[in-house]
Amino acid sequence: MSAADTAHSNRYWNHNAAFHNELVADAARRGGRALDVGCGEGLLMERLAAVCDVGVPTAPARESLQEIRAASARILPGSRMRRRFYWRYSPVWDRPMGAGQ
């Protein structure tokens, strides 16, 4: 692990990051073999790159943002789409004041 990685790991922590050093060491012992599925922020994959050949398979989007917005508006009128990382979207809807009371 580089000095930059060490400095970064001293500042950054979450439940998954707590296991990164152990996972990277294990991957190195296994000859650089690891599978990171749903790599979140990419920090683990970045660290694994030091000991593994890293490949990132991607698939084309199944629906466009326009199609996603149209489906959301049809199913939940008044909703809006919030774009998240890696082409993920979440519908956001606020119930009108006084509705359903």
N, C-alpha and C. Protein backbone atom coordinates (compact mmCIF):
# COMPACT_ATOMS: atom_id res chain seq x y z
N MET A 1 0.85 -1.17 0.00
CA MET A 1 0.00 0.00 0.00
C MET A 1 0.90 1.23 0.00
N SER A 2 0.56 2.19 -0.85
CA SER A 2 1.36 3.40 -0.97
C SER A 2 1.11 4.33 0.23
N ALA A 3 1.98 5.33 0.36
CA ALA A 3 1.80 6.32 1.43
C ALA A 3 0.48 7.05 1.26
N ALA A 4 0.10 7.33 0.00
CA ALA A 4 -1.17 8.01 -0.25
C ALA A 4 -2.34 7.15 0.19
N ASP A 5 -2.27 5.83 -0.10
CA ASP A 5 -3.34 4.92 0.34
C ASP A 5 -3.44 4.89 1.86
N THR A 6 -2.28 4.83 2.50
CA THR A 6 -2.26 4.79 3.96
C THR A 6 -2.85 6.07 4.54
N ALA A 7 -2.47 7.21 3.98
CA ALA A 7 -3.01 8.49 4.47
C ALA A 7 -4.51 8.54 4.24
N HIS A 8 -4.95 8.08 3.07
CA HIS A 8 -6.38 8.10 2.76
C HIS A 8 -7.13 7.16 3.70
N SER A 9 -6.58 5.97 3.94
CA SER A 9 -7.29 5.01 4.80
C SER A 9 -7.34 5.49 6.24
N ASN A 10 -6.42 6.35 6.65
CA ASN A 10 -6.47 6.90 8.00
C ASN A 10 -7.60 7.91 8.15
N ARG A 11 -8.01 8.54 7.03
CA ARG A 11 -9.08 9.54 7.08
C ARG A 11 -10.44 8.95 6.75
N TYR A 12 -10.48 7.87 5.98
CA TYR A 12 -11.74 7.35 5.45
C TYR A 12 -12.07 6.03 6.12
N TRP A 13 -13.30 5.90 6.56
CA TRP A 13 -13.71 4.63 7.15
C TRP A 13 -15.18 4.40 6.88
N ASN A 14 -15.50 3.20 6.55
CA ASN A 14 -16.87 2.70 6.59
C ASN A 14 -16.75 1.21 6.86
N HIS A 15 -17.87 0.54 7.03
CA HIS A 15 -17.83 -0.88 7.39
C HIS A 15 -17.03 -1.69 6.38
N ASN A 16 -17.19 -1.41 5.10
CA ASN A 16 -16.46 -2.16 4.08
C ASN A 16 -14.98 -1.82 4.07
N ALA A 17 -14.64 -0.54 4.18
CA ALA A 17 -13.24 -0.12 4.13
C ALA A 17 -12.43 -0.75 5.26
N ALA A 18 -13.08 -1.10 6.35
CA ALA A 18 -12.39 -1.72 7.48
C ALA A 18 -11.72 -3.04 7.09
N PHE A 19 -12.21 -3.69 6.03
CA PHE A 19 -11.68 -4.98 5.61
C PHE A 19 -10.76 -4.90 4.40
N HIS A 20 -10.55 -3.70 3.85
CA HIS A 20 -9.78 -3.58 2.61
C HIS A 20 -8.37 -4.16 2.71
N ASN A 21 -7.64 -3.83 3.75
CA ASN A 21 -6.26 -4.33 3.86
C ASN A 21 -6.22 -5.85 3.86
N GLU A 22 -7.13 -6.45 4.59
CA GLU A 22 -7.19 -7.92 4.66
C GLU A 22 -7.54 -8.51 3.29
N LEU A 23 -8.50 -7.91 2.60
CA LEU A 23 -8.91 -8.41 1.29
C LEU A 23 -7.81 -8.27 0.25
N VAL A 24 -7.12 -7.14 0.26
CA VAL A 24 -6.02 -6.93 -0.69
C VAL A 24 -4.88 -7.91 -0.42
N ALA A 25 -4.55 -8.12 0.85
CA ALA A 25 -3.50 -9.09 1.20
C ALA A 25 -3.89 -10.49 0.76
N ASP A 26 -5.14 -10.87 0.96
CA ASP A 26 -5.62 -12.18 0.54
C ASP A 26 -5.55 -12.32 -0.97
N ALA A 27 -5.95 -11.30 -1.70
CA ALA A 27 -5.88 -11.35 -3.17
C ALA A 27 -4.45 -11.51 -3.63
N ALA A 28 -3.53 -10.83 -2.98
CA ALA A 28 -2.11 -10.96 -3.35
C ALA A 28 -1.62 -12.39 -3.11
N ARG A 29 -2.02 -12.99 -1.98
CA ARG A 29 -1.62 -14.37 -1.69
C ARG A 29 -2.20 -15.35 -2.71
N ARG A 30 -3.35 -15.04 -3.27
CA ARG A 30 -4.01 -15.91 -4.24
C ARG A 30 -3.55 -15.64 -5.67
N GLY A 31 -2.49 -14.91 -5.83
CA GLY A 31 -1.96 -14.67 -7.16
C GLY A 31 -2.67 -13.56 -7.91
N GLY A 32 -3.25 -12.63 -7.19
CA GLY A 32 -3.91 -11.50 -7.83
C GLY A 32 -5.28 -11.81 -8.37
N ARG A 33 -6.01 -12.67 -7.67
CA ARG A 33 -7.37 -13.02 -8.11
C ARG A 33 -8.38 -12.53 -7.08
N ALA A 34 -9.34 -11.73 -7.56
CA ALA A 34 -10.41 -11.23 -6.70
C ALA A 34 -11.59 -10.86 -7.57
N LEU A 35 -12.76 -10.90 -6.99
CA LEU A 35 -13.97 -10.47 -7.66
C LEU A 35 -14.66 -9.46 -6.76
N ASP A 36 -14.79 -8.24 -7.24
CA ASP A 36 -15.46 -7.18 -6.49
C ASP A 36 -16.74 -6.87 -7.24
N VAL A 37 -17.87 -7.27 -6.68
CA VAL A 37 -19.17 -7.07 -7.31
C VAL A 37 -19.88 -5.93 -6.61
N GLY A 38 -20.35 -4.98 -7.39
CA GLY A 38 -21.01 -3.82 -6.78
C GLY A 38 -20.02 -3.02 -5.99
N CYS A 39 -19.01 -2.50 -6.66
CA CYS A 39 -17.85 -1.93 -5.97
C CYS A 39 -18.09 -0.56 -5.35
N GLY A 40 -19.31 -0.11 -5.26
CA GLY A 40 -19.59 1.13 -4.54
C GLY A 40 -18.80 2.30 -5.06
N GLU A 41 -18.00 2.90 -4.22
CA GLU A 41 -17.22 4.07 -4.59
C GLU A 41 -15.98 3.73 -5.39
N GLY A 42 -15.64 2.45 -5.49
CA GLY A 42 -14.47 2.03 -6.25
C GLY A 42 -13.18 2.00 -5.46
N LEU A 43 -13.23 2.31 -4.18
CA LEU A 43 -12.02 2.35 -3.37
C LEU A 43 -11.36 0.98 -3.27
N LEU A 44 -12.15 -0.07 -3.04
CA LEU A 44 -11.56 -1.41 -2.96
C LEU A 44 -10.93 -1.79 -4.29
N MET A 45 -11.61 -1.54 -5.39
CA MET A 45 -11.05 -1.89 -6.69
C MET A 45 -9.76 -1.12 -6.94
N GLU A 46 -9.74 0.13 -6.53
CA GLU A 46 -8.51 0.93 -6.67
C GLU A 46 -7.36 0.29 -5.90
N ARG A 47 -7.64 -0.19 -4.71
CA ARG A 47 -6.60 -0.83 -3.91
C ARG A 47 -6.22 -2.21 -4.45
N LEU A 48 -7.20 -2.95 -4.96
CA LEU A 48 -6.91 -4.26 -5.55
C LEU A 48 -6.04 -4.13 -6.80
N ALA A 49 -6.13 -3.01 -7.49
CA ALA A 49 -5.36 -2.81 -8.72
C ALA A 49 -3.86 -2.92 -8.46
N ALA A 50 -3.43 -2.71 -7.23
CA ALA A 50 -2.00 -2.82 -6.91
C ALA A 50 -1.53 -4.28 -6.95
N VAL A 51 -2.45 -5.25 -6.79
CA VAL A 51 -2.05 -6.65 -6.74
C VAL A 51 -2.78 -7.52 -7.76
N CYS A 52 -3.78 -6.96 -8.46
CA CYS A 52 -4.60 -7.74 -9.39
C CYS A 52 -4.65 -7.07 -10.76
N ASP A 53 -4.92 -7.88 -11.76
CA ASP A 53 -5.31 -7.33 -13.05
C ASP A 53 -6.77 -6.95 -12.90
N VAL A 54 -7.10 -5.70 -13.20
CA VAL A 54 -8.45 -5.22 -12.96
C VAL A 54 -9.17 -5.05 -14.29
N GLY A 55 -10.36 -5.62 -14.37
CA GLY A 55 -11.22 -5.43 -15.53
C GLY A 55 -12.57 -4.97 -15.06
N VAL A 56 -13.17 -4.11 -15.81
CA VAL A 56 -14.47 -3.58 -15.43
C VAL A 56 -15.45 -3.84 -16.56
N PRO A 57 -16.18 -4.97 -16.50
CA PRO A 57 -17.18 -5.22 -17.53
C PRO A 57 -18.39 -4.31 -17.31
N THR A 58 -18.88 -3.77 -18.37
CA THR A 58 -20.06 -2.92 -18.28
C THR A 58 -21.10 -3.38 -19.27
N ALA A 59 -22.31 -3.05 -19.01
CA ALA A 59 -23.41 -3.38 -19.92
C ALA A 59 -24.07 -2.08 -20.36
N PRO A 60 -24.56 -2.04 -21.57
CA PRO A 60 -25.26 -0.82 -22.01
C PRO A 60 -26.53 -0.61 -21.20
N ALA A 61 -26.91 0.64 -21.06
CA ALA A 61 -28.14 0.96 -20.33
C ALA A 61 -29.32 0.34 -21.04
N ARG A 62 -30.26 -0.18 -20.27
CA ARG A 62 -31.45 -0.79 -20.85
C ARG A 62 -32.49 0.25 -21.21
N GLU A 63 -32.57 1.33 -20.42
CA GLU A 63 -33.53 2.39 -20.66
C GLU A 63 -32.81 3.73 -20.61
N SER A 64 -33.30 4.66 -21.41
CA SER A 64 -32.74 6.01 -21.37
C SER A 64 -33.35 6.76 -20.19
N LEU A 65 -32.72 7.87 -19.83
CA LEU A 65 -33.27 8.70 -18.75
C LEU A 65 -34.67 9.18 -19.13
N GLN A 66 -34.88 9.51 -20.38
CA GLN A 66 -36.20 9.95 -20.84
C GLN A 66 -37.25 8.84 -20.62
N GLU A 67 -36.89 7.60 -20.92
CA GLU A 67 -37.82 6.48 -20.71
C GLU A 67 -38.09 6.26 -19.22
N ILE A 68 -37.06 6.40 -18.41
CA ILE A 68 -37.23 6.23 -16.97
C ILE A 68 -38.13 7.32 -16.41
N ARG A 69 -37.92 8.56 -16.84
CA ARG A 69 -38.77 9.67 -16.39
C ARG A 69 -40.22 9.45 -16.80
N ALA A 70 -40.44 9.00 -18.03
CA ALA A 70 -41.80 8.77 -18.53
C ALA A 70 -42.51 7.69 -17.70
N ALA A 71 -41.80 6.60 -17.41
CA ALA A 71 -42.39 5.53 -16.61
C ALA A 71 -42.70 6.02 -15.20
N SER A 72 -41.80 6.79 -14.62
CA SER A 72 -42.03 7.31 -13.28
C SER A 72 -43.23 8.24 -13.25
N ALA A 73 -43.35 9.11 -14.25
CA ALA A 73 -44.48 10.04 -14.31
C ALA A 73 -45.80 9.30 -14.50
N ARG A 74 -45.77 8.21 -15.26
CA ARG A 74 -46.98 7.42 -15.49
C ARG A 74 -47.41 6.69 -14.21
N ILE A 75 -46.44 6.13 -13.50
CA ILE A 75 -46.73 5.34 -12.31
C ILE A 75 -46.96 6.21 -11.08
N LEU A 76 -46.20 7.29 -10.97
CA LEU A 76 -46.26 8.17 -9.80
C LEU A 76 -46.31 9.62 -10.27
N PRO A 77 -47.51 10.09 -10.68
CA PRO A 77 -47.63 11.46 -11.20
C PRO A 77 -47.07 12.49 -10.22
N GLY A 78 -46.37 13.45 -10.77
CA GLY A 78 -45.77 14.51 -9.95
C GLY A 78 -44.39 14.16 -9.43
N SER A 79 -43.90 12.98 -9.74
CA SER A 79 -42.56 12.59 -9.28
C SER A 79 -41.50 13.22 -10.17
N ARG A 80 -40.30 13.26 -9.66
CA ARG A 80 -39.15 13.71 -10.45
C ARG A 80 -38.04 12.70 -10.24
N MET A 81 -37.13 12.63 -11.16
CA MET A 81 -36.05 11.64 -11.06
C MET A 81 -34.79 12.31 -10.53
N ARG A 82 -34.14 11.61 -9.65
CA ARG A 82 -32.85 12.08 -9.14
C ARG A 82 -31.79 11.15 -9.71
N ARG A 83 -30.82 11.72 -10.40
CA ARG A 83 -29.74 10.92 -10.96
C ARG A 83 -28.68 10.68 -9.90
N ARG A 84 -28.27 9.44 -9.79
CA ARG A 84 -27.25 9.05 -8.81
C ARG A 84 -26.01 8.60 -9.56
N PHE A 85 -25.02 8.14 -8.86
CA PHE A 85 -23.78 7.68 -9.48
C PHE A 85 -24.02 6.47 -10.36
N TYR A 86 -23.19 6.32 -11.35
CA TYR A 86 -23.16 5.14 -12.22
C TYR A 86 -24.51 4.87 -12.88
N TRP A 87 -25.14 5.91 -13.37
CA TRP A 87 -26.37 5.79 -14.16
C TRP A 87 -27.49 5.12 -13.38
N ARG A 88 -27.59 5.42 -12.12
CA ARG A 88 -28.71 4.94 -11.30
C ARG A 88 -29.63 6.11 -11.03
N TYR A 89 -30.90 5.83 -10.93
CA TYR A 89 -31.89 6.89 -10.74
C TYR A 89 -32.85 6.51 -9.62
N SER A 90 -33.34 7.53 -8.92
CA SER A 90 -34.33 7.30 -7.87
C SER A 90 -35.49 8.26 -8.09
N PRO A 91 -36.72 7.73 -8.04
CA PRO A 91 -37.85 8.66 -8.12
C PRO A 91 -38.01 9.39 -6.79
N VAL A 92 -38.35 10.66 -6.88
CA VAL A 92 -38.59 11.49 -5.69
C VAL A 92 -39.99 12.04 -5.83
N TRP A 93 -40.79 11.89 -4.77
CA TRP A 93 -42.16 12.36 -4.80
C TRP A 93 -42.51 12.92 -3.43
N ASP A 94 -43.13 14.08 -3.44
CA ASP A 94 -43.60 14.68 -2.20
C ASP A 94 -45.12 14.63 -2.20
N ARG A 95 -45.69 14.05 -1.16
CA ARG A 95 -47.15 13.99 -1.06
C ARG A 95 -47.68 15.42 -0.86
N PRO A 96 -48.69 15.80 -1.64
CA PRO A 96 -49.24 17.16 -1.48
C PRO A 96 -49.77 17.37 -0.07
N MET A 97 -49.63 18.58 0.41
CA MET A 97 -50.13 18.92 1.75
C MET A 97 -51.62 18.63 1.84
N GLY A 98 -52.06 17.98 2.88
CA GLY A 98 -53.46 17.71 3.11
C GLY A 98 -53.98 16.48 2.37
N ALA A 99 -53.18 15.87 1.52
CA ALA A 99 -53.63 14.68 0.79
C ALA A 99 -53.63 13.48 1.69
N GLY A 100 -54.66 12.68 1.60
CA GLY A 100 -54.71 11.41 2.33
C GLY A 100 -54.98 11.55 3.81
N GLN A 101 -55.47 12.69 4.24
CA GLN A 101 -55.73 12.86 5.68
C GLN A 101 -57.20 12.76 5.98
